[in-house]
């Protein structure tokens, strides 16, 4: 009996397993269907809807590789392109200052140096402020004033940007300079009161008497002269095409009625044959006014014909001639101020036909030239002719 019951139980056990497995599959299917329905219910309401655009990612320049510089007198002027696009003031990415670092090296030291070595040895000498960064100038500058005492040194400069959260960016490129100590002092411009002539503005100066380290003789190659227009603040290129050897320069490329400022820099022989300028001299302001009359008309001729006299003359050599006046009289001894002016408006041609004449009479003429500033020339020579 026991064996038969065990056989009966053994035969029904697989059927129970299959029944339970089928029930589990049905429950799993129902759970998956419910999950899919819920997922669809959550996803469908958002389909096709336009979401607000995401704000643009702030792309702030993190460093520059265009650091450059030049020695001028006892200063090194560093310059680099300004940040073209900074983050908003409230952003932590906003560049708030630019730190300037300097490392003094032995001129014979290896040129190669890692950023880590530079960071460990360099000195923070100053910063460009946030106001300077926001100024809108295309180029940012920093001036490092040197003592130039002791043994010669090679200076290595770099800058790094610092954002609003105080994070420092990587260093810029390295700029290496070997400043020279025997650089000429600043020249001094002299006011002569005779700066302006008709053809030029002439600037005169006194030469430097020593070098910036007090040594003599003066290390002097020549001079550069700079001119700024009235609305200019930054000095650009010298107006002389080559170094000026003397202590005077005549600027012939100017316009009457404009205002100019001039400065002069001495030029010395620097390290490795480089030309090094001094600091700026004192400035002189010049506002040239045209008070110079043109030359008197010359080589006037008169051609006679029945009922008229024709006057011919060459054009004046001045470039700013506005025109001419012609005067006539039948009495050569009459004071010139009493002669009759024949033209109502300035003559712009170099011929004139006088048809208000009488046959058999002799007429006398003289001319004056007038420039665009209203300056009147001296009277020309008197010419005359008799009407046939």
Protein backbone atom coordinates (compact mmCIF):
# COMPACT_ATOMS: atom_id res chain seq x y z
CA UNK A 1 0.00 0.00 0.00
CA UNK A 2 2.76 2.37 0.87
CA UNK A 3 4.45 1.87 -2.47
CA UNK A 4 1.28 2.43 -4.43
CA UNK A 5 0.58 5.68 -2.53
CA UNK A 6 4.11 6.92 -3.18
CA UNK A 7 3.68 6.20 -6.85
CA UNK A 8 0.42 8.13 -6.95
CA UNK A 9 2.00 11.12 -5.17
CA UNK A 10 5.02 11.01 -7.50
CA UNK A 11 2.84 11.09 -10.56
CA UNK A 12 0.82 14.17 -9.42
CA UNK A 13 3.82 16.28 -8.26
CA UNK A 14 5.00 17.36 -11.79
CA UNK A 15 1.51 18.41 -12.66
CA UNK A 16 1.41 20.75 -9.64
CA UNK A 17 4.77 22.27 -10.70
CA UNK A 18 3.51 22.87 -14.20
CA UNK A 19 0.33 24.49 -12.82
CA UNK A 20 2.31 26.83 -10.55
CA UNK A 21 4.73 27.73 -13.37
CA UNK A 22 1.82 28.62 -15.66
CA UNK A 23 0.25 30.78 -12.96
CA UNK A 24 3.60 32.60 -12.45
CA UNK A 25 3.92 33.32 -16.18
CA UNK A 26 0.40 34.77 -16.28
CA UNK A 27 1.13 37.05 -13.29
CA UNK A 28 4.41 38.22 -14.89
CA UNK A 29 2.60 39.00 -18.14
CA UNK A 30 0.00 41.06 -16.28
CA UNK A 31 2.72 43.00 -14.43
CA UNK A 32 4.52 43.77 -17.70
CA UNK A 33 1.28 44.96 -19.32
CA UNK A 34 0.54 47.28 -16.38
CA UNK A 35 4.13 48.65 -16.48
CA UNK A 36 3.90 49.37 -20.20
CA UNK A 37 0.56 51.12 -19.76
CA UNK A 38 1.94 53.29 -16.96
CA UNK A 39 5.06 54.12 -18.99
CA UNK A 40 2.91 55.13 -21.96
CA UNK A 41 0.69 57.24 -19.74
CA UNK A 42 3.72 59.17 -18.47
CA UNK A 43 5.45 59.57 -21.83
CA UNK A 44 2.58 60.46 -24.16
CA UNK A 45 1.61 63.80 -22.53
CA UNK A 46 5.16 65.12 -23.23
CA UNK A 47 5.36 63.98 -26.83
CA UNK A 48 5.41 66.84 -29.34
CA UNK A 49 5.75 69.55 -26.71
CA UNK A 50 8.39 72.27 -27.18
CA UNK A 51 10.51 72.80 -24.14
CA UNK A 52 12.22 76.13 -23.38
CA UNK A 53 15.66 76.32 -25.06
CA UNK A 54 18.59 75.53 -22.84
CA UNK A 55 20.86 78.48 -22.08
CA UNK A 56 24.04 78.54 -24.20
CA UNK A 57 27.11 77.04 -22.67
CA UNK A 58 29.46 79.82 -21.56
CA UNK A 59 32.67 79.54 -23.51
CA UNK A 60 35.15 81.74 -21.70
CA UNK A 61 38.73 82.01 -22.90
CA UNK A 62 40.90 80.29 -20.32
CA UNK A 63 44.38 81.40 -21.36
CA UNK A 64 46.32 83.28 -24.00
CA UNK A 65 49.32 82.19 -26.00
CA UNK A 66 49.94 85.67 -27.43
CA UNK A 67 51.74 87.36 -24.55
CA UNK A 68 54.36 89.78 -25.92
CA UNK A 69 56.42 92.61 -24.50
CA UNK A 70 59.09 95.21 -25.08
CA UNK A 71 61.61 97.10 -22.98
CA UNK A 72 61.20 100.88 -22.96
CA UNK A 73 63.61 102.73 -20.72
CA UNK A 74 63.53 101.07 -17.32
CA UNK A 75 60.14 99.48 -17.98
CA UNK A 76 58.89 96.31 -19.61
CA UNK A 77 55.49 96.77 -21.22
CA UNK A 78 53.59 93.50 -21.52
CA UNK A 79 50.65 93.20 -23.91
CA UNK A 80 48.20 90.54 -25.06
CA UNK A 81 44.80 90.43 -26.83
CA UNK A 82 41.86 91.29 -24.60
CA UNK A 83 39.31 88.64 -23.68
CA UNK A 84 36.82 88.68 -26.54
CA UNK A 85 33.94 87.15 -24.59
CA UNK A 86 33.71 87.02 -20.84
CA UNK A 87 30.97 85.35 -18.81
CA UNK A 88 28.29 87.38 -17.06
CA UNK A 89 29.21 89.10 -13.81
CA UNK A 90 27.24 86.64 -11.71
CA UNK A 91 28.89 83.60 -13.31
CA UNK A 92 31.71 81.81 -11.51
CA UNK A 93 33.40 81.50 -14.94
CA UNK A 94 33.72 85.29 -15.24
CA UNK A 95 37.38 86.30 -15.47
CA UNK A 96 37.83 88.81 -12.64
CA UNK A 97 41.55 89.55 -12.85
CA UNK A 98 44.70 88.60 -14.69
CA UNK A 99 47.75 87.89 -12.56
CA UNK A 100 51.22 88.72 -13.88
CA UNK A 101 54.23 86.62 -12.86
CA UNK A 102 57.95 87.22 -13.30
CA UNK A 103 60.98 85.03 -12.79
CA UNK A 104 64.54 86.40 -12.86
CA UNK A 105 66.97 83.85 -14.31
CA UNK A 106 70.64 83.65 -15.07
CA UNK A 107 71.04 84.52 -18.78
CA UNK A 108 72.98 81.25 -19.21
CA UNK A 109 70.25 79.10 -17.61
CA UNK A 110 68.49 76.54 -19.85
CA UNK A 111 65.56 77.99 -21.78
CA UNK A 112 63.27 75.06 -21.06
CA UNK A 113 61.06 75.32 -17.97
CA UNK A 114 57.86 73.52 -16.99
CA UNK A 115 54.78 75.30 -15.70
CA UNK A 116 55.22 73.56 -12.36
CA UNK A 117 58.80 74.83 -12.03
CA UNK A 118 57.77 78.32 -13.05
CA UNK A 119 54.87 78.34 -10.56
CA UNK A 120 57.21 77.30 -7.75
CA UNK A 121 59.87 79.93 -8.48
CA UNK A 122 58.08 82.92 -10.06
CA UNK A 123 56.84 85.99 -8.19
CA UNK A 124 53.37 87.49 -8.56
CA UNK A 125 54.24 91.11 -9.42
CA UNK A 126 50.79 92.55 -10.10
CA UNK A 127 47.38 92.11 -11.67
CA UNK A 128 45.14 93.56 -14.34
CA UNK A 129 41.87 94.53 -12.63
CA UNK A 130 38.31 93.64 -13.57
CA UNK A 131 37.66 97.26 -14.58
CA UNK A 132 40.57 97.08 -17.03
CA UNK A 133 39.28 93.79 -18.41
CA UNK A 134 35.84 95.36 -18.97
CA UNK A 135 37.25 98.52 -20.57
CA UNK A 136 36.70 97.23 -24.09
CA UNK A 137 40.21 97.93 -25.36
CA UNK A 138 41.42 95.38 -27.96
CA UNK A 139 44.75 94.95 -26.17
CA UNK A 140 45.47 94.67 -22.45
CA UNK A 141 48.79 95.87 -21.06
CA UNK A 142 50.80 95.72 -17.86
CA UNK A 143 53.89 97.83 -17.10
CA UNK A 144 56.68 96.38 -14.99
CA UNK A 145 59.12 99.04 -13.71
CA UNK A 146 62.61 97.64 -13.19
CA UNK A 147 65.50 98.64 -10.95
CA UNK A 148 68.15 97.45 -13.46
CA UNK A 149 70.80 97.15 -10.74
CA UNK A 150 73.22 94.33 -10.16
CA UNK A 151 74.13 91.46 -12.47
CA UNK A 152 72.32 91.07 -15.80
CA UNK A 153 69.28 88.82 -15.68
CA UNK A 154 66.91 87.16 -18.07
CA UNK A 155 63.30 87.84 -17.15
CA UNK A 156 60.61 85.25 -17.81
CA UNK A 157 57.02 86.50 -17.75
CA UNK A 158 53.67 84.73 -17.86
CA UNK A 159 50.08 85.62 -17.02
CA UNK A 160 47.12 83.57 -15.86
CA UNK A 161 43.41 84.30 -15.69
CA UNK A 162 41.54 84.08 -12.38
CA UNK A 163 37.75 83.61 -12.34
CA UNK A 164 35.11 84.76 -9.88
CA UNK A 165 35.52 81.68 -7.69
CA UNK A 166 39.27 82.27 -7.38
CA UNK A 167 40.25 79.41 -9.69
CA UNK A 168 43.44 80.03 -11.65
CA UNK A 169 43.78 78.98 -15.26
CA UNK A 170 46.92 77.61 -16.86
CA UNK A 171 49.82 79.96 -17.52
CA UNK A 172 50.13 81.78 -20.81
CA UNK A 173 53.10 81.33 -23.07
CA UNK A 174 56.41 82.40 -21.56
CA UNK A 175 57.93 85.73 -22.62
CA UNK A 176 61.70 85.99 -22.17
CA UNK A 177 63.54 89.33 -22.15
CA UNK A 178 67.06 90.39 -21.23
CA UNK A 179 66.67 94.09 -20.35
CA UNK A 180 69.62 96.38 -20.95
CA UNK A 181 70.69 98.88 -18.28
CA UNK A 182 72.63 101.29 -20.52
CA UNK A 183 69.59 102.83 -22.20
CA UNK A 184 69.50 106.55 -22.98
CA UNK A 185 67.50 108.82 -20.75
CA UNK A 186 64.49 110.73 -22.03
CA UNK A 187 65.04 113.67 -24.45
CA UNK A 188 63.37 117.01 -23.70
CA UNK A 189 61.26 118.86 -26.27
CA UNK A 190 61.90 122.61 -26.48
CA UNK A 191 59.14 125.12 -27.30
CA UNK A 192 60.64 127.56 -29.81
CA UNK A 193 57.51 129.45 -30.86
CA UNK A 194 58.50 128.80 -34.47
CA UNK A 195 57.10 125.31 -34.79
CA UNK A 196 54.60 126.11 -37.57
CA UNK A 197 55.56 127.26 -41.05
CA UNK A 198 53.63 127.07 -44.27
CA UNK A 199 55.12 123.70 -45.21
CA UNK A 200 56.00 121.96 -41.95
CA UNK A 201 55.64 121.59 -38.20
CA UNK A 202 59.15 121.47 -36.79
CA UNK A 203 59.84 119.82 -33.43
CA UNK A 204 63.08 120.54 -31.56
CA UNK A 205 64.49 118.76 -28.51
CA UNK A 206 67.50 118.51 -26.23
CA UNK A 207 69.45 115.22 -26.23
CA UNK A 208 69.73 113.05 -23.10
CA UNK A 209 72.85 113.68 -21.02
CA UNK A 210 73.26 110.14 -19.59
CA UNK A 211 71.89 106.62 -19.59
CA UNK A 212 69.16 105.52 -17.19
CA UNK A 213 71.75 103.88 -14.94
CA UNK A 214 73.65 107.18 -14.76
CA UNK A 215 76.49 106.00 -16.99
CA UNK A 216 78.07 107.93 -19.85
CA UNK A 217 78.66 108.22 -22.74
CA UNK A 218 75.06 108.07 -23.85
CA UNK A 219 74.12 104.90 -25.70
CA UNK A 220 72.32 106.66 -28.55
CA UNK A 221 71.47 105.43 -32.05
CA UNK A 222 68.98 108.19 -32.89
CA UNK A 223 65.42 109.23 -32.19
CA UNK A 224 61.83 108.33 -33.05
CA UNK A 225 59.15 111.02 -33.29
CA UNK A 226 55.51 110.23 -32.60
CA UNK A 227 52.40 112.26 -33.37
CA UNK A 228 48.93 111.85 -31.90
CA UNK A 229 45.80 113.39 -33.33
CA UNK A 230 43.55 115.31 -30.97
CA UNK A 231 41.26 112.33 -30.25
CA UNK A 232 44.02 109.70 -29.98
CA UNK A 233 45.28 108.33 -26.66
CA UNK A 234 47.54 105.47 -27.77
CA UNK A 235 50.85 106.01 -29.54
CA UNK A 236 51.25 103.86 -32.62
CA UNK A 237 54.08 104.08 -35.16
CA UNK A 238 56.75 106.80 -35.47
CA UNK A 239 56.22 109.35 -38.22
CA UNK A 240 59.88 109.23 -39.23
CA UNK A 241 60.71 106.51 -41.75
CA UNK A 242 64.24 106.05 -40.35
CA UNK A 243 65.97 107.05 -37.14
CA UNK A 244 66.45 110.80 -36.76
CA UNK A 245 70.11 111.56 -36.19
CA UNK A 246 69.76 115.22 -35.17
CA UNK A 247 67.64 117.00 -32.57
CA UNK A 248 65.01 118.41 -34.94
CA UNK A 249 62.32 116.93 -37.13
CA UNK A 250 60.00 118.58 -39.67
CA UNK A 251 56.58 117.01 -40.11
CA UNK A 252 55.34 117.91 -43.59
CA UNK A 253 52.30 115.66 -43.59
CA UNK A 254 49.86 117.76 -41.59
CA UNK A 255 46.61 119.67 -42.09
CA UNK A 256 45.93 123.24 -41.06
CA UNK A 257 43.07 123.48 -38.57
CA UNK A 258 43.89 120.17 -36.86
CA UNK A 259 45.49 119.74 -33.43
CA UNK A 260 48.45 117.45 -32.78
CA UNK A 261 50.61 116.27 -29.89
CA UNK A 262 54.23 115.21 -30.38
CA UNK A 263 56.58 113.11 -28.23
CA UNK A 264 60.15 111.95 -28.89
CA UNK A 265 61.93 108.78 -27.78
CA UNK A 266 65.68 108.20 -27.80
CA UNK A 267 66.77 104.88 -29.30
CA UNK A 268 69.64 102.84 -27.84
CA UNK A 269 71.42 99.62 -28.68
CA UNK A 270 70.00 96.88 -26.46
CA UNK A 271 70.76 93.24 -25.73
CA UNK A 272 71.77 91.15 -28.76
CA UNK A 273 71.67 94.19 -31.04
CA UNK A 274 68.01 95.05 -30.46
CA UNK A 275 66.88 98.67 -30.62
CA UNK A 276 65.43 99.85 -27.30
CA UNK A 277 63.50 103.10 -26.96
CA UNK A 278 63.50 105.42 -23.99
CA UNK A 279 60.34 106.46 -22.21
CA UNK A 280 58.33 109.29 -23.78
CA UNK A 281 59.65 112.82 -23.70
CA UNK A 282 57.45 115.66 -22.56
CA UNK A 283 54.66 116.34 -25.07
CA UNK A 284 54.15 119.46 -27.13
CA UNK A 285 50.74 120.42 -28.53
CA UNK A 286 50.58 122.20 -31.87
CA UNK A 287 47.46 123.56 -33.59
CA UNK A 288 48.63 124.87 -36.95
CA UNK A 289 46.57 127.69 -38.44
CA UNK A 290 46.94 128.81 -42.04
CA UNK A 291 48.01 132.45 -41.85
CA UNK A 292 50.29 132.20 -44.86
CA UNK A 293 49.19 134.03 -48.03
CA UNK A 294 49.84 132.43 -51.40
CA UNK A 295 52.34 133.89 -53.84
CA UNK A 296 51.20 136.65 -56.19
CA UNK A 297 50.03 135.55 -59.67
CA UNK A 298 52.80 135.89 -62.26
CA UNK A 299 53.42 135.87 -66.03
CA UNK A 300 50.11 137.57 -66.85
CA UNK A 301 49.46 138.35 -70.51
CA UNK A 302 46.72 140.29 -72.32
CA UNK A 303 45.47 139.57 -75.82
CA UNK A 304 43.53 142.28 -77.66
CA UNK A 305 40.64 141.72 -80.06
CA UNK A 306 37.88 144.01 -81.35
CA UNK A 307 35.47 144.63 -78.47
CA UNK A 308 37.37 142.65 -75.80
CA UNK A 309 40.60 142.07 -73.94
CA UNK A 310 41.53 138.53 -72.84
CA UNK A 311 43.71 138.03 -69.75
CA UNK A 312 45.73 134.81 -69.36
CA UNK A 313 47.86 133.62 -66.42
CA UNK A 314 49.28 130.32 -65.12
CA UNK A 315 47.84 128.68 -61.99
CA UNK A 316 49.53 129.38 -58.69
CA UNK A 317 51.82 126.63 -57.37
CA UNK A 318 50.02 126.33 -54.00
CA UNK A 319 47.69 123.34 -53.62
CA UNK A 320 45.10 125.20 -51.53
CA UNK A 321 44.29 128.01 -53.97
CA UNK A 322 40.57 128.84 -53.91
CA UNK A 323 40.60 131.34 -56.80
CA UNK A 324 41.67 134.74 -58.09
CA UNK A 325 40.50 138.36 -58.15
CA UNK A 326 41.12 140.69 -61.10
CA UNK A 327 41.21 144.47 -60.86
CA UNK A 328 41.15 147.13 -63.62
CA UNK A 329 41.77 150.82 -64.10
CA UNK A 330 42.27 153.24 -66.96
CA UNK A 331 44.63 155.30 -64.80
CA UNK A 332 47.82 153.49 -63.80
CA UNK A 333 48.56 156.11 -61.14
CA UNK A 334 45.26 155.61 -59.31
CA UNK A 335 45.83 154.01 -55.86
CA UNK A 336 45.33 150.24 -56.16
CA UNK A 337 42.61 150.25 -53.50
CA UNK A 338 40.46 152.34 -55.86
CA UNK A 339 40.76 150.06 -58.90
CA UNK A 340 37.56 148.29 -59.97
CA UNK A 341 37.16 144.61 -59.12
CA UNK A 342 35.80 142.89 -62.24
CA UNK A 343 34.70 139.50 -60.81
CA UNK A 344 31.78 139.10 -58.40
CA UNK A 345 32.94 135.62 -57.32
CA UNK A 346 36.44 134.18 -57.20
CA UNK A 347 37.79 133.19 -60.60
CA UNK A 348 38.45 129.47 -60.73
CA UNK A 349 39.82 129.51 -64.28
CA UNK A 350 43.10 131.04 -65.44
CA UNK A 351 41.53 133.15 -68.19
CA UNK A 352 39.25 136.15 -68.16
CA UNK A 353 37.56 138.07 -70.96
CA UNK A 354 36.87 141.74 -70.35
CA UNK A 355 34.18 142.82 -72.81
CA UNK A 356 33.22 146.05 -71.06
CA UNK A 357 35.82 147.99 -72.94
CA UNK A 358 35.90 150.83 -75.49
CA UNK A 359 37.88 150.84 -78.69
CA UNK A 360 41.02 152.94 -78.59
CA UNK A 361 41.27 152.95 -74.78
CA UNK A 362 44.13 151.41 -72.79
CA UNK A 363 43.25 149.32 -69.76
CA UNK A 364 45.48 148.30 -66.84
CA UNK A 365 45.05 145.07 -64.81
CA UNK A 366 46.46 143.32 -61.74
CA UNK A 367 45.46 140.06 -59.96
CA UNK A 368 45.52 138.60 -56.47
CA UNK A 369 45.30 134.93 -55.43
CA UNK A 370 43.16 133.72 -52.51
CA UNK A 371 43.67 130.42 -50.67
CA UNK A 372 41.07 128.27 -48.94
CA UNK A 373 41.79 129.88 -45.59
CA UNK A 374 40.98 133.29 -47.04
CA UNK A 375 44.58 134.51 -47.14
CA UNK A 376 45.14 136.99 -49.99
CA UNK A 377 48.37 137.22 -51.92
CA UNK A 378 50.27 140.37 -52.72
CA UNK A 379 49.27 142.19 -55.89
CA UNK A 380 50.67 140.95 -59.16
CA UNK A 381 52.54 143.15 -61.56
CA UNK A 382 50.37 145.48 -63.63
CA UNK A 383 49.75 144.58 -67.28
CA UNK A 384 47.99 146.70 -69.89
CA UNK A 385 46.69 146.65 -73.44
CA UNK A 386 44.79 148.93 -75.86
CA UNK A 387 41.50 147.82 -77.39
CA UNK A 388 41.70 147.87 -81.23
